[in-house]
Amino acid sequence: MGSPLFRRRPRALTSQRTTNALQFLCSFILTDRISNQVANLKEGDKAPDFAVPDAEGNVVRLKDLRGKKVVLYFYPKDDTPGCTKQACGLRDQMTDLQKENVEVVGVSFDNAESHQKFREKHKLNFTLLADTDGKIADAYGVRRGNSNMARRASFLIGKDGTIKHVTDTPSADTHLTEMKEAVAKLQKS
């Protein structure tokens, strides 16, 4: 019959640890897809209101920005490569955006102190909101699964408080291009 080494039962192909990891991954993916579908805002929808502190601790409310166009953009994390590229791109377009009466507001889960450092380091000239509890991200449907991080999404909100354009892609360049085009299109209408 051979050596006792070869009489052992074969090990299962998957361990309990592997099974748990696969269950977690599937759960994360499903949760992310479900949460992104729950508040899947589109053009014409009323933009959810919020009241949240900015980098200086001042409370910013969307309703207080009525009468202006607002580029409300969500990003994953302060001072990361893609988020810095997007923020600096908006910073560089601020003169043109202000001529069009557009207010830029960035939102992430980072706290006010992190936002202050990010603004100072890159000389950002627009508001950053500290959505530390994720209520704004949830209202706009941009939370990444169960994490404390938003995915990159931009909303152009008209003077009347309705959403005029949505860009929902990981590419910072696409956000900058589409928002600039959407602002120009809104100006013409």
Protein backbone atom coordinates (compact mmCIF):
# COMPACT_ATOMS: atom_id res chain seq x y z
CA MET A 1 0.00 0.00 0.00
CA GLY A 2 2.92 2.30 0.16
CA SER A 3 4.38 4.63 2.67
CA PRO A 4 2.19 6.25 5.37
CA LEU A 5 3.02 9.63 3.84
CA PHE A 6 0.90 8.84 0.81
CA ARG A 7 -2.09 7.54 2.79
CA ARG A 8 -3.16 10.95 4.10
CA ARG A 9 -6.40 12.43 2.91
CA PRO A 10 -5.86 15.06 0.22
CA ARG A 11 -6.26 18.63 1.43
CA ALA A 12 -9.24 20.59 0.25
CA LEU A 13 -8.45 22.94 -2.59
CA THR A 14 -9.77 25.90 -0.66
CA SER A 15 -9.13 26.68 2.94
CA GLN A 16 -11.57 28.39 5.29
CA ARG A 17 -9.41 31.52 5.04
CA THR A 18 -9.69 31.55 1.25
CA THR A 19 -13.45 31.02 1.45
CA ASN A 20 -13.81 33.93 3.89
CA ALA A 21 -11.67 36.17 1.70
CA LEU A 22 -13.76 35.34 -1.37
CA GLN A 23 -17.00 35.96 0.53
CA PHE A 24 -15.66 39.34 1.72
CA LEU A 25 -14.57 40.32 -1.79
CA CYS A 26 -17.95 39.37 -3.30
CA SER A 27 -19.74 41.20 -0.51
CA PHE A 28 -17.58 44.31 -1.09
CA ILE A 29 -18.24 44.28 -4.84
CA LEU A 30 -22.00 43.75 -4.41
CA THR A 31 -22.25 46.42 -1.73
CA ASP A 32 -20.34 48.88 -3.93
CA ARG A 33 -22.65 48.19 -6.89
CA ILE A 34 -25.79 48.40 -4.76
CA SER A 35 -24.75 51.63 -3.02
CA ASN A 36 -23.85 53.20 -6.36
CA GLN A 37 -27.30 52.33 -7.72
CA VAL A 38 -29.29 53.58 -4.72
CA ALA A 39 -28.56 57.28 -5.21
CA ASN A 40 -27.77 57.21 -8.90
CA LEU A 41 -28.43 60.90 -9.52
CA LYS A 42 -28.83 62.13 -13.07
CA GLU A 43 -29.44 65.33 -15.01
CA GLY A 44 -32.67 67.01 -13.96
CA ASP A 45 -32.67 65.58 -10.41
CA LYS A 46 -32.71 67.98 -7.48
CA ALA A 47 -29.24 68.09 -5.91
CA PRO A 48 -29.34 66.84 -2.29
CA ASP A 49 -28.73 69.67 0.17
CA PHE A 50 -26.00 69.46 2.80
CA ALA A 51 -24.50 71.42 5.67
CA VAL A 52 -20.89 70.51 6.35
CA PRO A 53 -17.71 72.27 7.52
CA ASP A 54 -15.09 73.45 5.06
CA ALA A 55 -11.31 73.48 5.61
CA GLU A 56 -11.60 76.54 7.88
CA GLY A 57 -14.47 75.11 9.93
CA ASN A 58 -17.18 77.30 8.34
CA VAL A 59 -20.44 75.48 7.64
CA VAL A 60 -21.25 75.39 3.92
CA ARG A 61 -24.81 74.69 2.75
CA LEU A 62 -25.74 73.96 -0.83
CA LYS A 63 -28.89 76.07 -0.47
CA ASP A 64 -26.68 79.08 0.37
CA LEU A 65 -25.08 78.74 -3.07
CA ARG A 66 -28.40 79.10 -4.95
CA GLY A 67 -28.13 81.60 -7.75
CA LYS A 68 -24.68 80.29 -8.65
CA LYS A 69 -23.66 77.31 -10.71
CA VAL A 70 -21.77 74.79 -8.59
CA VAL A 71 -19.23 72.19 -9.63
CA LEU A 72 -19.51 69.73 -6.74
CA TYR A 73 -16.80 67.14 -7.12
CA PHE A 74 -16.01 64.13 -4.98
CA TYR A 75 -12.55 62.68 -4.79
CA PRO A 76 -10.96 59.80 -2.84
CA LYS A 77 -8.18 61.40 -0.78
CA ASP A 78 -6.23 64.61 -0.27
CA ASP A 79 -2.77 64.83 -1.79
CA THR A 80 -2.87 61.63 -3.84
CA PRO A 81 -1.69 61.82 -7.48
CA GLY A 82 -5.06 61.75 -9.30
CA CYS A 83 -6.81 63.93 -6.72
CA THR A 84 -4.00 66.48 -6.80
CA LYS A 85 -4.10 66.55 -10.60
CA GLN A 86 -7.85 67.18 -10.58
CA ALA A 87 -7.66 69.83 -7.85
CA CYS A 88 -4.81 71.69 -9.55
CA GLY A 89 -6.65 71.51 -12.88
CA LEU A 90 -9.69 73.15 -11.29
CA ARG A 91 -7.45 75.68 -9.56
CA ASP A 92 -5.96 76.63 -12.93
CA GLN A 93 -9.45 77.04 -14.46
CA MET A 94 -10.87 79.14 -11.60
CA THR A 95 -10.55 82.48 -13.40
CA ASP A 96 -12.67 81.20 -16.30
CA LEU A 97 -15.11 79.45 -13.97
CA GLN A 98 -15.58 82.55 -11.85
CA LYS A 99 -16.36 84.58 -14.99
CA GLU A 100 -19.17 82.08 -15.59
CA ASN A 101 -20.39 82.54 -11.97
CA VAL A 102 -19.35 79.00 -11.02
CA GLU A 103 -18.48 77.99 -7.46
CA VAL A 104 -16.19 74.93 -7.12
CA VAL A 105 -16.62 72.72 -4.08
CA GLY A 106 -14.50 69.61 -3.49
CA VAL A 107 -15.63 66.86 -1.12
CA SER A 108 -13.78 63.97 0.47
CA PHE A 109 -13.83 62.04 3.75
CA ASP A 110 -10.65 63.83 4.87
CA ASN A 111 -10.90 66.10 7.91
CA ALA A 112 -10.56 69.91 7.92
CA GLU A 113 -6.90 69.79 8.98
CA SER A 114 -6.01 67.53 6.04
CA HIS A 115 -7.93 69.85 3.69
CA GLN A 116 -6.05 72.90 5.02
CA LYS A 117 -2.69 71.25 4.34
CA PHE A 118 -3.83 70.14 0.87
CA ARG A 119 -5.09 73.65 0.01
CA GLU A 120 -1.92 75.36 1.26
CA LYS A 121 0.47 72.92 -0.39
CA HIS A 122 -1.16 73.27 -3.82
CA LYS A 123 -2.49 76.84 -3.47
CA LEU A 124 -6.06 75.72 -4.09
CA ASN A 125 -8.50 78.59 -4.53
CA PHE A 126 -11.83 76.89 -3.85
CA THR A 127 -13.75 75.27 -1.02
CA LEU A 128 -13.01 71.78 0.28
CA LEU A 129 -15.61 70.10 2.47
CA ALA A 130 -14.82 67.64 5.25
CA ASP A 131 -17.44 64.90 4.78
CA THR A 132 -15.95 62.84 7.61
CA ASP A 133 -19.17 60.91 8.27
CA GLY A 134 -19.87 60.34 4.57
CA LYS A 135 -23.38 61.80 4.59
CA ILE A 136 -22.83 63.87 1.45
CA ALA A 137 -21.14 60.97 -0.35
CA ASP A 138 -24.08 58.74 0.57
CA ALA A 139 -26.65 61.32 -0.54
CA TYR A 140 -24.94 61.56 -3.92
CA GLY A 141 -24.29 57.81 -4.14
CA VAL A 142 -20.52 58.05 -4.47
CA ARG A 143 -19.24 56.13 -1.42
CA ARG A 144 -16.90 53.28 -2.36
CA GLY A 145 -18.61 50.24 -0.84
CA ASN A 146 -18.37 50.27 2.94
CA SER A 147 -15.17 52.32 2.97
CA ASN A 148 -14.61 55.88 4.14
CA MET A 149 -13.70 56.99 0.67
CA ALA A 150 -15.63 58.45 -2.23
CA ARG A 151 -15.13 57.54 -5.84
CA ARG A 152 -14.34 60.32 -8.31
CA ALA A 153 -17.61 61.91 -9.44
CA SER A 154 -18.53 65.47 -10.45
CA PHE A 155 -21.89 67.19 -10.51
CA LEU A 156 -22.67 70.47 -12.22
CA ILE A 157 -25.56 72.01 -10.29
CA GLY A 158 -27.52 74.83 -11.88
CA LYS A 159 -28.66 78.07 -10.26
CA ASP A 160 -32.03 76.42 -9.54
CA GLY A 161 -30.46 73.56 -7.54
CA THR A 162 -30.95 70.85 -10.16
CA ILE A 163 -28.22 68.66 -11.56
CA LYS A 164 -27.24 69.76 -15.07
CA HIS A 165 -24.40 67.31 -15.74
CA VAL A 166 -22.79 64.27 -14.09
CA THR A 167 -19.33 62.87 -14.75
CA ASP A 168 -18.64 59.55 -13.07
CA THR A 169 -15.30 58.10 -14.11
CA PRO A 170 -11.92 57.51 -12.42
CA SER A 171 -10.13 59.81 -14.91
CA ALA A 172 -9.30 63.25 -13.49
CA ASP A 173 -8.71 64.54 -17.03
CA THR A 174 -12.20 63.48 -18.12
CA HIS A 175 -13.75 65.35 -15.17
CA LEU A 176 -11.92 68.54 -16.01
CA THR A 177 -12.81 68.39 -19.70
CA GLU A 178 -16.46 67.41 -19.23
CA MET A 179 -17.14 69.96 -16.51
CA LYS A 180 -15.62 72.76 -18.59
CA GLU A 181 -17.75 71.73 -21.59
CA ALA A 182 -20.89 71.39 -19.42
CA VAL A 183 -20.38 74.87 -17.93
CA ALA A 184 -19.97 76.36 -21.43
CA LYS A 185 -23.08 74.54 -22.64
CA LEU A 186 -25.09 75.71 -19.62
CA GLN A 187 -23.97 79.29 -20.25
CA LYS A 188 -25.35 79.14 -23.79
CA SER A 189 -28.76 77.86 -22.71
